[in-house]
Amino acid sequence: SKYSGRWREAVTRSSLVLKLLTSQRYGSIAAAATFGL
């Protein structure tokens, strides 16, 4: 990551969430991890 500004912890966690929701096989990013909530 090239981000070095304020709120780095929140930005890093958000980027890790995006990566979690990313399909390694297809490159898509799911809108969320769940259904029905």
Full PDB file with SEQRES, HELIX, SHEET, SSBOND, CRYST1, ORIGX, SCALE, CONECT and MASTER records, all heavy atoms in Angstrom:
SEQRES   1 A   37  SER LYS TYR SER GLY ARG TRP ARG GLU ALA VAL THR ARG          
SEQRES   2 A   37  SER SER LEU VAL LEU LYS LEU LEU THR SER GLN ARG TYR          
SEQRES   3 A   37  GLY SER ILE ALA ALA ALA ALA THR PHE GLY LEU                  
HELIX    1 AA1 ARG A    8  LEU A   20  1                                  13    
CRYST1    1.000    1.000    1.000  90.00  90.00  90.00 P 1           1          
ORIGX1      1.000000  0.000000  0.000000        0.00000                         
ORIGX2      0.000000  1.000000  0.000000        0.00000                         
ORIGX3      0.000000  0.000000  1.000000        0.00000                         
SCALE1      1.000000  0.000000  0.000000        0.00000                         
SCALE2      0.000000  1.000000  0.000000        0.00000                         
SCALE3      0.000000  0.000000  1.000000        0.00000                         
ATOM      1  N   SER A   1       0.821  -1.204   0.000  1.00  0.00           N  
ATOM      2  CA  SER A   1       0.000   0.000   0.000  1.00  0.00           C  
ATOM      3  C   SER A   1       0.855   1.254   0.000  1.00  0.00           C  
ATOM      4  O   SER A   1       1.873   1.331   0.695  1.00  0.00           O  
ATOM      5  CB  SER A   1      -0.918  -0.001   1.232  1.00  0.00           C  
ATOM      6  OG  SER A   1      -1.626   1.224   1.336  1.00  0.00           O  
ATOM      7  N   LYS A   2       0.417   2.241  -0.754  1.00  0.00           N  
ATOM      8  CA  LYS A   2       1.117   3.523  -0.812  1.00  0.00           C  
ATOM      9  C   LYS A   2       0.517   4.542   0.150  1.00  0.00           C  
ATOM     10  O   LYS A   2       0.988   5.685   0.202  1.00  0.00           O  
ATOM     11  CB  LYS A   2       1.076   4.076  -2.244  1.00  0.00           C  
ATOM     12  CG  LYS A   2       1.842   3.228  -3.246  1.00  0.00           C  
ATOM     13  CD  LYS A   2       1.780   3.841  -4.638  1.00  0.00           C  
ATOM     14  CE  LYS A   2       2.569   3.000  -5.643  1.00  0.00           C  
ATOM     15  NZ  LYS A   2       2.492   3.579  -7.020  1.00  0.00           N  
ATOM     16  N   TYR A   3      -0.499   4.144   0.894  1.00  0.00           N  
ATOM     17  CA  TYR A   3      -1.159   5.095   1.787  1.00  0.00           C  
ATOM     18  C   TYR A   3      -0.352   5.254   3.068  1.00  0.00           C  
ATOM     19  O   TYR A   3      -0.055   4.274   3.757  1.00  0.00           O  
ATOM     20  CB  TYR A   3      -2.565   4.627   2.135  1.00  0.00           C  
ATOM     21  CG  TYR A   3      -3.329   5.644   2.959  1.00  0.00           C  
ATOM     22  CD1 TYR A   3      -3.947   6.724   2.359  1.00  0.00           C  
ATOM     23  CD2 TYR A   3      -3.406   5.528   4.346  1.00  0.00           C  
ATOM     24  CE1 TYR A   3      -4.641   7.669   3.107  1.00  0.00           C  
ATOM     25  CE2 TYR A   3      -4.092   6.466   5.099  1.00  0.00           C  
ATOM     26  CZ  TYR A   3      -4.703   7.533   4.472  1.00  0.00           C  
ATOM     27  OH  TYR A   3      -5.369   8.462   5.216  1.00  0.00           O  
ATOM     28  N   SER A   4       0.000   6.492   3.409  1.00  0.00           N  
ATOM     29  CA  SER A   4       0.764   6.763   4.626  1.00  0.00           C  
ATOM     30  C   SER A   4       0.166   7.922   5.414  1.00  0.00           C  
ATOM     31  O   SER A   4       0.842   8.515   6.255  1.00  0.00           O  
ATOM     32  CB  SER A   4       2.229   7.075   4.268  1.00  0.00           C  
ATOM     33  OG  SER A   4       2.304   8.192   3.391  1.00  0.00           O  
ATOM     34  N   GLY A   5      -1.076   8.256   5.129  1.00  0.00           N  
ATOM     35  CA  GLY A   5      -1.691   9.405   5.764  1.00  0.00           C  
ATOM     36  C   GLY A   5      -2.343   9.080   7.084  1.00  0.00           C  
ATOM     37  O   GLY A   5      -2.118   8.024   7.688  1.00  0.00           O  
ATOM     38  N   ARG A   6      -3.143  10.026   7.563  1.00  0.00           N  
ATOM     39  CA  ARG A   6      -3.906   9.835   8.790  1.00  0.00           C  
ATOM     40  C   ARG A   6      -4.884   8.675   8.630  1.00  0.00           C  
ATOM     41  O   ARG A   6      -5.246   8.303   7.535  1.00  0.00           O  
ATOM     42  CB  ARG A   6      -4.675  11.116   9.128  1.00  0.00           C  
ATOM     43  CG  ARG A   6      -3.773  12.339   9.341  1.00  0.00           C  
ATOM     44  CD  ARG A   6      -4.610  13.595   9.387  1.00  0.00           C  
ATOM     45  NE  ARG A   6      -3.797  14.791   9.579  1.00  0.00           N  
ATOM     46  CZ  ARG A   6      -3.181  15.449   8.592  1.00  0.00           C  
ATOM     47  NH1 ARG A   6      -3.286  15.025   7.344  1.00  0.00           N  
ATOM     48  NH2 ARG A   6      -2.465  16.527   8.852  1.00  0.00           N  
ATOM     49  N   TRP A   7      -5.307   8.141   9.726  1.00  0.00           N  
ATOM     50  CA  TRP A   7      -6.295   7.048   9.750  1.00  0.00           C  
ATOM     51  C   TRP A   7      -5.805   5.818   8.987  1.00  0.00           C  
ATOM     52  O   TRP A   7      -6.571   5.104   8.352  1.00  0.00           O  
ATOM     53  CB  TRP A   7      -7.641   7.520   9.186  1.00  0.00           C  
ATOM     54  CG  TRP A   7      -8.103   8.789   9.826  1.00  0.00           C  
ATOM     55  CD1 TRP A   7      -8.497   8.967  11.119  1.00  0.00           C  
ATOM     56  CD2 TRP A   7      -8.193  10.074   9.196  1.00  0.00           C  
ATOM     57  NE1 TRP A   7      -8.829  10.285  11.338  1.00  0.00           N  
ATOM     58  CE2 TRP A   7      -8.663  10.991  10.183  1.00  0.00           C  
ATOM     59  CE3 TRP A   7      -7.939  10.546   7.914  1.00  0.00           C  
ATOM     60  CZ2 TRP A   7      -8.867  12.332   9.901  1.00  0.00           C  
ATOM     61  CZ3 TRP A   7      -8.145  11.887   7.638  1.00  0.00           C  
ATOM     62  CH2 TRP A   7      -8.600  12.772   8.623  1.00  0.00           C  
ATOM     63  N   ARG A   8      -4.501   5.560   9.083  1.00  0.00           N  
ATOM     64  CA  ARG A   8      -3.950   4.436   8.345  1.00  0.00           C  
ATOM     65  C   ARG A   8      -4.576   3.114   8.779  1.00  0.00           C  
ATOM     66  O   ARG A   8      -4.826   2.225   7.953  1.00  0.00           O  
ATOM     67  CB  ARG A   8      -2.431   4.362   8.524  1.00  0.00           C  
ATOM     68  CG  ARG A   8      -1.789   3.245   7.691  1.00  0.00           C  
ATOM     69  CD  ARG A   8      -0.283   3.140   7.904  1.00  0.00           C  
ATOM     70  NE  ARG A   8       0.276   2.115   7.035  1.00  0.00           N  
ATOM     71  CZ  ARG A   8       0.259   0.810   7.316  1.00  0.00           C  
ATOM     72  NH1 ARG A   8      -0.285   0.387   8.453  1.00  0.00           N  
ATOM     73  NH2 ARG A   8       0.796  -0.070   6.476  1.00  0.00           N  
ATOM     74  N   GLU A   9      -4.841   2.968  10.079  1.00  0.00           N  
ATOM     75  CA  GLU A   9      -5.412   1.710  10.563  1.00  0.00           C  
ATOM     76  C   GLU A   9      -6.780   1.453   9.937  1.00  0.00           C  
ATOM     77  O   GLU A   9      -7.071   0.332   9.498  1.00  0.00           O  
ATOM     78  CB  GLU A   9      -5.518   1.743  12.087  1.00  0.00           C  
ATOM     79  CG  GLU A   9      -5.984   0.426  12.676  1.00  0.00           C  
ATOM     80  CD  GLU A   9      -5.951   0.429  14.192  1.00  0.00           C  
ATOM     81  OE1 GLU A   9      -5.347   1.356  14.781  1.00  0.00           O  
ATOM     82  OE2 GLU A   9      -6.535  -0.498  14.789  1.00  0.00           O  
ATOM     83  N   ALA A  10      -7.636   2.484   9.877  1.00  0.00           N  
ATOM     84  CA  ALA A  10      -8.965   2.312   9.294  1.00  0.00           C  
ATOM     85  C   ALA A  10      -8.871   2.039   7.799  1.00  0.00           C  
ATOM     86  O   ALA A  10      -9.622   1.207   7.258  1.00  0.00           O  
ATOM     87  CB  ALA A  10      -9.820   3.553   9.543  1.00  0.00           C  
ATOM     88  N   VAL A  11      -7.969   2.728   7.122  1.00  0.00           N  
ATOM     89  CA  VAL A  11      -7.803   2.522   5.678  1.00  0.00           C  
ATOM     90  C   VAL A  11      -7.253   1.127   5.406  1.00  0.00           C  
ATOM     91  O   VAL A  11      -7.704   0.426   4.483  1.00  0.00           O  
ATOM     92  CB  VAL A  11      -6.890   3.611   5.081  1.00  0.00           C  
ATOM     93  CG1 VAL A  11      -6.513   3.276   3.646  1.00  0.00           C  
ATOM     94  CG2 VAL A  11      -7.587   4.972   5.141  1.00  0.00           C  
ATOM     95  N   THR A  12      -6.282   0.695   6.213  1.00  0.00           N  
ATOM     96  CA  THR A  12      -5.716  -0.639   6.018  1.00  0.00           C  
ATOM     97  C   THR A  12      -6.759  -1.719   6.252  1.00  0.00           C  
ATOM     98  O   THR A  12      -6.867  -2.677   5.469  1.00  0.00           O  
ATOM     99  CB  THR A  12      -4.524  -0.855   6.967  1.00  0.00           C  
ATOM    100  OG1 THR A  12      -3.495   0.089   6.651  1.00  0.00           O  
ATOM    101  CG2 THR A  12      -3.957  -2.259   6.828  1.00  0.00           C  
ATOM    102  N   ARG A  13      -7.551  -1.578   7.310  1.00  0.00           N  
ATOM    103  CA  ARG A  13      -8.590  -2.584   7.560  1.00  0.00           C  
ATOM    104  C   ARG A  13      -9.597  -2.596   6.430  1.00  0.00           C  
ATOM    105  O   ARG A  13     -10.045  -3.672   5.996  1.00  0.00           O  
ATOM    106  CB  ARG A  13      -9.271  -2.297   8.909  1.00  0.00           C  
ATOM    107  CG  ARG A  13     -10.365  -3.273   9.295  1.00  0.00           C  
ATOM    108  CD  ARG A  13      -9.960  -4.730   9.199  1.00  0.00           C  
ATOM    109  NE  ARG A  13      -8.709  -5.020   9.886  1.00  0.00           N  
ATOM    110  CZ  ARG A  13      -7.989  -6.111   9.688  1.00  0.00           C  
ATOM    111  NH1 ARG A  13      -8.382  -7.023   8.804  1.00  0.00           N  
ATOM    112  NH2 ARG A  13      -6.851  -6.303  10.341  1.00  0.00           N  
ATOM    113  N   SER A  14      -9.961  -1.418   5.920  1.00  0.00           N  
ATOM    114  CA  SER A  14     -10.907  -1.367   4.802  1.00  0.00           C  
ATOM    115  C   SER A  14     -10.332  -2.038   3.572  1.00  0.00           C  
ATOM    116  O   SER A  14     -11.036  -2.750   2.844  1.00  0.00           O  
ATOM    117  CB  SER A  14     -11.274   0.094   4.495  1.00  0.00           C  
ATOM    118  OG  SER A  14     -12.060   0.641   5.535  1.00  0.00           O  
ATOM    119  N   SER A  15      -9.046  -1.829   3.302  1.00  0.00           N  
ATOM    120  CA  SER A  15      -8.430  -2.474   2.139  1.00  0.00           C  
ATOM    121  C   SER A  15      -8.372  -3.981   2.326  1.00  0.00           C  
ATOM    122  O   SER A  15      -8.565  -4.747   1.366  1.00  0.00           O  
ATOM    123  CB  SER A  15      -7.032  -1.901   1.890  1.00  0.00           C  
ATOM    124  OG  SER A  15      -6.131  -2.238   2.925  1.00  0.00           O  
ATOM    125  N   LEU A  16      -8.129  -4.442   3.556  1.00  0.00           N  
ATOM    126  CA  LEU A  16      -8.126  -5.882   3.820  1.00  0.00           C  
ATOM    127  C   LEU A  16      -9.515  -6.489   3.640  1.00  0.00           C  
ATOM    128  O   LEU A  16      -9.649  -7.627   3.197  1.00  0.00           O  
ATOM    129  CB  LEU A  16      -7.602  -6.150   5.230  1.00  0.00           C  
ATOM    130  CG  LEU A  16      -6.077  -6.078   5.387  1.00  0.00           C  
ATOM    131  CD1 LEU A  16      -5.691  -5.974   6.854  1.00  0.00           C  
ATOM    132  CD2 LEU A  16      -5.406  -7.276   4.739  1.00  0.00           C  
ATOM    133  N   VAL A  17     -10.562  -5.727   3.982  1.00  0.00           N  
ATOM    134  CA  VAL A  17     -11.924  -6.199   3.728  1.00  0.00           C  
ATOM    135  C   VAL A  17     -12.162  -6.355   2.229  1.00  0.00           C  
ATOM    136  O   VAL A  17     -12.705  -7.363   1.767  1.00  0.00           O  
ATOM    137  CB  VAL A  17     -12.958  -5.233   4.345  1.00  0.00           C  
ATOM    138  CG1 VAL A  17     -14.373  -5.574   3.869  1.00  0.00           C  
ATOM    139  CG2 VAL A  17     -12.897  -5.283   5.862  1.00  0.00           C  
ATOM    140  N   LEU A  18     -11.744  -5.343   1.457  1.00  0.00           N  
ATOM    141  CA  LEU A  18     -11.911  -5.426   0.003  1.00  0.00           C  
ATOM    142  C   LEU A  18     -11.180  -6.632  -0.566  1.00  0.00           C  
ATOM    143  O   LEU A  18     -11.699  -7.336  -1.439  1.00  0.00           O  
ATOM    144  CB  LEU A  18     -11.396  -4.153  -0.659  1.00  0.00           C  
ATOM    145  CG  LEU A  18     -12.172  -2.877  -0.371  1.00  0.00           C  
ATOM    146  CD1 LEU A  18     -11.522  -1.701  -1.085  1.00  0.00           C  
ATOM    147  CD2 LEU A  18     -13.623  -3.002  -0.775  1.00  0.00           C  
ATOM    148  N   LYS A  19      -9.977  -6.874  -0.065  1.00  0.00           N  
ATOM    149  CA  LYS A  19      -9.216  -8.014  -0.559  1.00  0.00           C  
ATOM    150  C   LYS A  19      -9.899  -9.323  -0.182  1.00  0.00           C  
ATOM    151  O   LYS A  19      -9.935 -10.272  -0.972  1.00  0.00           O  
ATOM    152  CB  LYS A  19      -7.793  -7.963   0.000  1.00  0.00           C  
ATOM    153  CG  LYS A  19      -6.852  -9.011  -0.592  1.00  0.00           C  
ATOM    154  CD  LYS A  19      -6.628  -8.806  -2.080  1.00  0.00           C  
ATOM    155  CE  LYS A  19      -5.548  -9.753  -2.606  1.00  0.00           C  
ATOM    156  NZ  LYS A  19      -5.405  -9.671  -4.086  1.00  0.00           N  
ATOM    157  N   LEU A  20     -10.454  -9.395   1.042  1.00  0.00           N  
ATOM    158  CA  LEU A  20     -11.182 -10.592   1.459  1.00  0.00           C  
ATOM    159  C   LEU A  20     -12.351 -10.891   0.533  1.00  0.00           C  
ATOM    160  O   LEU A  20     -12.670 -12.049   0.268  1.00  0.00           O  
ATOM    161  CB  LEU A  20     -11.717 -10.403   2.875  1.00  0.00           C  
ATOM    162  CG  LEU A  20     -10.943 -10.963   4.051  1.00  0.00           C  
ATOM    163  CD1 LEU A  20     -11.741 -10.769   5.328  1.00  0.00           C  
ATOM    164  CD2 LEU A  20     -10.605 -12.429   3.867  1.00  0.00           C  
ATOM    165  N   LEU A  21     -13.022  -9.828   0.071  1.00  0.00           N  
ATOM    166  CA  LEU A  21     -14.203  -9.991  -0.773  1.00  0.00           C  
ATOM    167  C   LEU A  21     -13.843 -10.183  -2.241  1.00  0.00           C  
ATOM    168  O   LEU A  21     -14.729 -10.308  -3.083  1.00  0.00           O  
ATOM    169  CB  LEU A  21     -15.123  -8.776  -0.610  1.00  0.00           C  
ATOM    170  CG  LEU A  21     -15.734  -8.595   0.787  1.00  0.00           C  
ATOM    171  CD1 LEU A  21     -16.507  -7.280   0.862  1.00  0.00           C  
ATOM    172  CD2 LEU A  21     -16.628  -9.768   1.156  1.00  0.00           C  
ATOM    173  N   THR A  22     -12.535 -10.205  -2.534  1.00  0.00           N  
ATOM    174  CA  THR A  22     -12.064 -10.369  -3.911  1.00  0.00           C  
ATOM    175  C   THR A  22     -11.896 -11.843  -4.243  1.00  0.00           C  
ATOM    176  O   THR A  22     -11.393 -12.626  -3.435  1.00  0.00           O  
ATOM    177  CB  THR A  22     -10.716  -9.651  -4.106  1.00  0.00           C  
ATOM    178  OG1 THR A  22     -10.882  -8.256  -3.843  1.00  0.00           O  
ATOM    179  CG2 THR A  22     -10.191  -9.831  -5.523  1.00  0.00           C  
ATOM    180  N   SER A  23     -12.305 -12.218  -5.437  1.00  0.00           N  
ATOM    181  CA  SER A  23     -12.098 -13.577  -5.917  1.00  0.00           C  
ATOM    182  C   SER A  23     -10.727 -13.677  -6.569  1.00  0.00           C  
ATOM    183  O   SER A  23     -10.452 -12.989  -7.558  1.00  0.00           O  
ATOM    184  CB  SER A  23     -13.177 -13.964  -6.939  1.00  0.00           C  
ATOM    185  OG  SER A  23     -12.826 -15.150  -7.611  1.00  0.00           O  
ATOM    186  N   GLN A  24      -9.862 -14.510  -5.996  1.00  0.00           N  
ATOM    187  CA  GLN A  24      -8.536 -14.699  -6.586  1.00  0.00           C  
ATOM    188  C   GLN A  24      -8.644 -15.280  -7.992  1.00  0.00           C  
ATOM    189  O   GLN A  24      -7.853 -14.946  -8.881  1.00  0.00           O  
ATOM    190  CB  GLN A  24      -7.711 -15.625  -5.692  1.00  0.00           C  
ATOM    191  CG  GLN A  24      -6.283 -15.852  -6.171  1.00  0.00           C  
ATOM    192  CD  GLN A  24      -5.502 -16.746  -5.215  1.00  0.00           C  
ATOM    193  OE1 GLN A  24      -6.068 -17.606  -4.554  1.00  0.00           O  
ATOM    194  NE2 GLN A  24      -4.203 -16.545  -5.137  1.00  0.00           N  
ATOM    195  N   ARG A  25      -9.642 -16.111  -8.186  1.00  0.00           N  
ATOM    196  CA  ARG A  25      -9.786 -16.791  -9.475  1.00  0.00           C  
ATOM    197  C   ARG A  25     -10.315 -15.863 -10.560  1.00  0.00           C  
ATOM    198  O   ARG A  25      -9.855 -15.901 -11.702  1.00  0.00           O  
ATOM    199  CB  ARG A  25     -10.723 -17.987  -9.314  1.00  0.00           C  
ATOM    200  CG  ARG A  25     -10.856 -18.841 -10.566  1.00  0.00           C  
ATOM    201  CD  ARG A  25     -11.854 -19.959 -10.366  1.00  0.00           C  
ATOM    202  NE  ARG A  25     -11.497 -20.818  -9.243  1.00  0.00           N  
ATOM    203  CZ  ARG A  25     -12.224 -21.868  -8.853  1.00  0.00           C  
ATOM    204  NH1 ARG A  25     -13.351 -22.154  -9.490  1.00  0.00           N  
ATOM    205  NH2 ARG A  25     -11.844 -22.603  -7.836  1.00  0.00           N  
ATOM    206  N   TYR A  26     -11.267 -14.981 -10.209  1.00  0.00           N  
ATOM    207  CA  TYR A  26     -11.962 -14.200 -11.231  1.00  0.00           C  
ATOM    208  C   TYR A  26     -11.641 -12.706 -11.211  1.00  0.00           C  
ATOM    209  O   TYR A  26     -11.882 -12.023 -12.205  1.00  0.00           O  
ATOM    210  CB  TYR A  26     -13.469 -14.385 -11.084  1.00  0.00           C  
ATOM    211  CG  TYR A  26     -13.907 -15.826 -11.167  1.00  0.00           C  
ATOM    212  CD1 TYR A  26     -14.454 -16.471 -10.052  1.00  0.00           C  
ATOM    213  CD2 TYR A  26     -13.749 -16.563 -12.340  1.00  0.00           C  
ATOM    214  CE1 TYR A  26     -14.845 -17.798 -10.115  1.00  0.00           C  
ATOM    215  CE2 TYR A  26     -14.139 -17.891 -12.406  1.00  0.00           C  
ATOM    216  CZ  TYR A  26     -14.685 -18.508 -11.292  1.00  0.00           C  
ATOM    217  OH  TYR A  26     -15.063 -19.824 -11.351  1.00  0.00           O  
ATOM    218  N   GLY A  27     -11.161 -12.171 -10.091  1.00  0.00           N  
ATOM    219  CA  GLY A  27     -10.875 -10.743 -10.013  1.00  0.00           C  
ATOM    220  C   GLY A  27     -12.060  -9.894  -9.600  1.00  0.00           C  
ATOM    221  O   GLY A  27     -11.916  -8.680  -9.432  1.00  0.00           O  
ATOM    222  N   SER A  28     -13.234 -10.491  -9.428  1.00  0.00           N  
ATOM    223  CA  SER A  28     -14.422  -9.752  -9.014  1.00  0.00           C  
ATOM    224  C   SER A  28     -14.345  -9.436  -7.524  1.00  0.00           C  
ATOM    225  O   SER A  28     -13.601 -10.070  -6.764  1.00  0.00           O  
ATOM    226  CB  SER A  28     -15.674 -10.575  -9.303  1.00  0.00           C  
ATOM    227  OG  SER A  28     -15.571 -11.870  -8.731  1.00  0.00           O  
ATOM    228  N   ILE A  29     -15.132  -8.442  -7.097  1.00  0.00           N  
ATOM    229  CA  ILE A  29     -15.222  -8.078  -5.677  1.00  0.00           C  
ATOM    230  C   ILE A  29     -16.687  -8.148  -5.273  1.00  0.00           C  
ATOM    231  O   ILE A  29     -17.527  -7.418  -5.803  1.00  0.00           O  
ATOM    232  CB  ILE A  29     -14.668  -6.667  -5.412  1.00  0.00           C  
ATOM    233  CG1 ILE A  29     -13.204  -6.574  -5.866  1.00  0.00           C  
ATOM    234  CG2 ILE A  29     -14.776  -6.320  -3.929  1.00  0.00           C  
ATOM    235  CD1 ILE A  29     -12.606  -5.189  -5.714  1.00  0.00           C  
ATOM    236  N   ALA A  30     -17.004  -9.040  -4.341  1.00  0.00           N  
ATOM    237  CA  ALA A  30     -18.387  -9.198  -3.894  1.00  0.00           C  
ATOM    238  C   ALA A  30     -18.852  -7.945  -3.162  1.00  0.00           C  
ATOM    239  O   ALA A  30     -18.066  -7.274  -2.487  1.00  0.00           O  
ATOM    240  CB  ALA A  30     -18.516 -10.410  -2.982  1.00  0.00           C  
ATOM    241  N   ALA A  31     -20.141  -7.638  -3.283  1.00  0.00           N  
ATOM    242  CA  ALA A  31     -20.688  -6.471  -2.585  1.00  0.00           C  
ATOM    243  C   ALA A  31     -20.635  -6.660  -1.073  1.00  0.00           C  
ATOM    244  O   ALA A  31     -20.435  -5.697  -0.326  1.00  0.00           O  
ATOM    245  CB  ALA A  31     -22.122  -6.219  -3.034  1.00  0.00           C  
ATOM    246  N   ALA A  32     -20.821  -7.875  -0.601  1.00  0.00           N  
ATOM    247  CA  ALA A  32     -20.738  -8.191   0.826  1.00  0.00           C  
ATOM    248  C   ALA A  32     -20.557  -9.697   0.961  1.00  0.00           C  
ATOM    249  O   ALA A  32     -20.685 -10.445  -0.015  1.00  0.00           O  
ATOM    250  CB  ALA A  32     -21.980  -7.721   1.579  1.00  0.00           C  
ATOM    251  N   ALA A  33     -20.282 -10.133   2.187  1.00  0.00           N  
ATOM    252  CA  ALA A  33     -20.009 -11.546   2.424  1.00  0.00           C  
ATOM    253  C   ALA A  33     -21.252 -12.349   2.730  1.00  0.00           C  
ATOM    254  O   ALA A  33     -21.175 -13.567   2.865  1.00  0.00           O  
ATOM    255  CB  ALA A  33     -19.018 -11.683   3.581  1.00  0.00           C  
ATOM    256  N   THR A  34     -22.413 -11.692   2.857  1.00  0.00           N  
ATOM    257  CA  THR A  34     -23.591 -12.367   3.380  1.00  0.00           C  
ATOM    258  C   THR A  34     -24.821 -12.170   2.504  1.00  0.00           C  
ATOM    259  O   THR A  34     -24.836 -11.356   1.580  1.00  0.00           O  
ATOM    260  CB  THR A  34     -23.922 -11.827   4.790  1.00  0.00           C  
ATOM    261  OG1 THR A  34     -24.107 -10.412   4.708  1.00  0.00           O  
ATOM    262  CG2 THR A  34     -22.808 -12.131   5.767  1.00  0.00           C  
ATOM    263  N   PHE A  35     -25.851 -12.917   2.838  1.00  0.00           N  
ATOM    264  CA  PHE A  35     -27.186 -12.711   2.274  1.00  0.00           C  
ATOM    265  C   PHE A  35     -28.171 -12.686   3.434  1.00  0.00           C  
ATOM    266  O   PHE A  35     -27.916 -13.228   4.514  1.00  0.00           O  
ATOM    267  CB  PHE A  35     -27.556 -13.821   1.281  1.00  0.00           C  
ATOM    268  CG  PHE A  35     -27.708 -15.184   1.905  1.00  0.00           C  
ATOM    269  CD1 PHE A  35     -28.945 -15.636   2.355  1.00  0.00           C  
ATOM    270  CD2 PHE A  35     -26.614 -16.027   2.055  1.00  0.00           C  
ATOM    271  CE1 PHE A  35     -29.083 -16.892   2.940  1.00  0.00           C  
ATOM    272  CE2 PHE A  35     -26.746 -17.285   2.645  1.00  0.00           C  
ATOM    273  CZ  PHE A  35     -27.982 -17.714   3.078  1.00  0.00           C  
ATOM    274  N   GLY A  36     -29.308 -12.026   3.239  1.00  0.00           N  
ATOM    275  CA  GLY A  36     -30.409 -12.123   4.186  1.00  0.00           C  
ATOM    276  C   GLY A  36     -30.333 -11.243   5.410  1.00  0.00           C  
ATOM    277  O   GLY A  36     -31.241 -11.279   6.238  1.00  0.00           O  
ATOM    278  N   LEU A  37     -29.284 -10.443   5.586  1.00  0.00           N  
ATOM    279  CA  LEU A  37     -29.219  -9.566   6.753  1.00  0.00           C  
ATOM    280  C   LEU A  37     -30.020  -8.303   6.463  1.00  0.00           C  
ATOM    281  O   LEU A  37     -29.803  -7.646   5.445  1.00  0.00           O  
ATOM    282  CB  LEU A  37     -27.770  -9.234   7.105  1.00  0.00           C  
ATOM    283  CG  LEU A  37     -26.948 -10.428   7.597  1.00  0.00           C  
ATOM    284  CD1 LEU A  37     -25.532  -9.995   7.964  1.00  0.00           C  
ATOM    285  CD2 LEU A  37     -27.619 -11.097   8.792  1.00  0.00           C  
TER     286      LEU A  37                                                      
MASTER        0    0    0    1    0    0    0    6  285    1    0    3          
END                                                                             
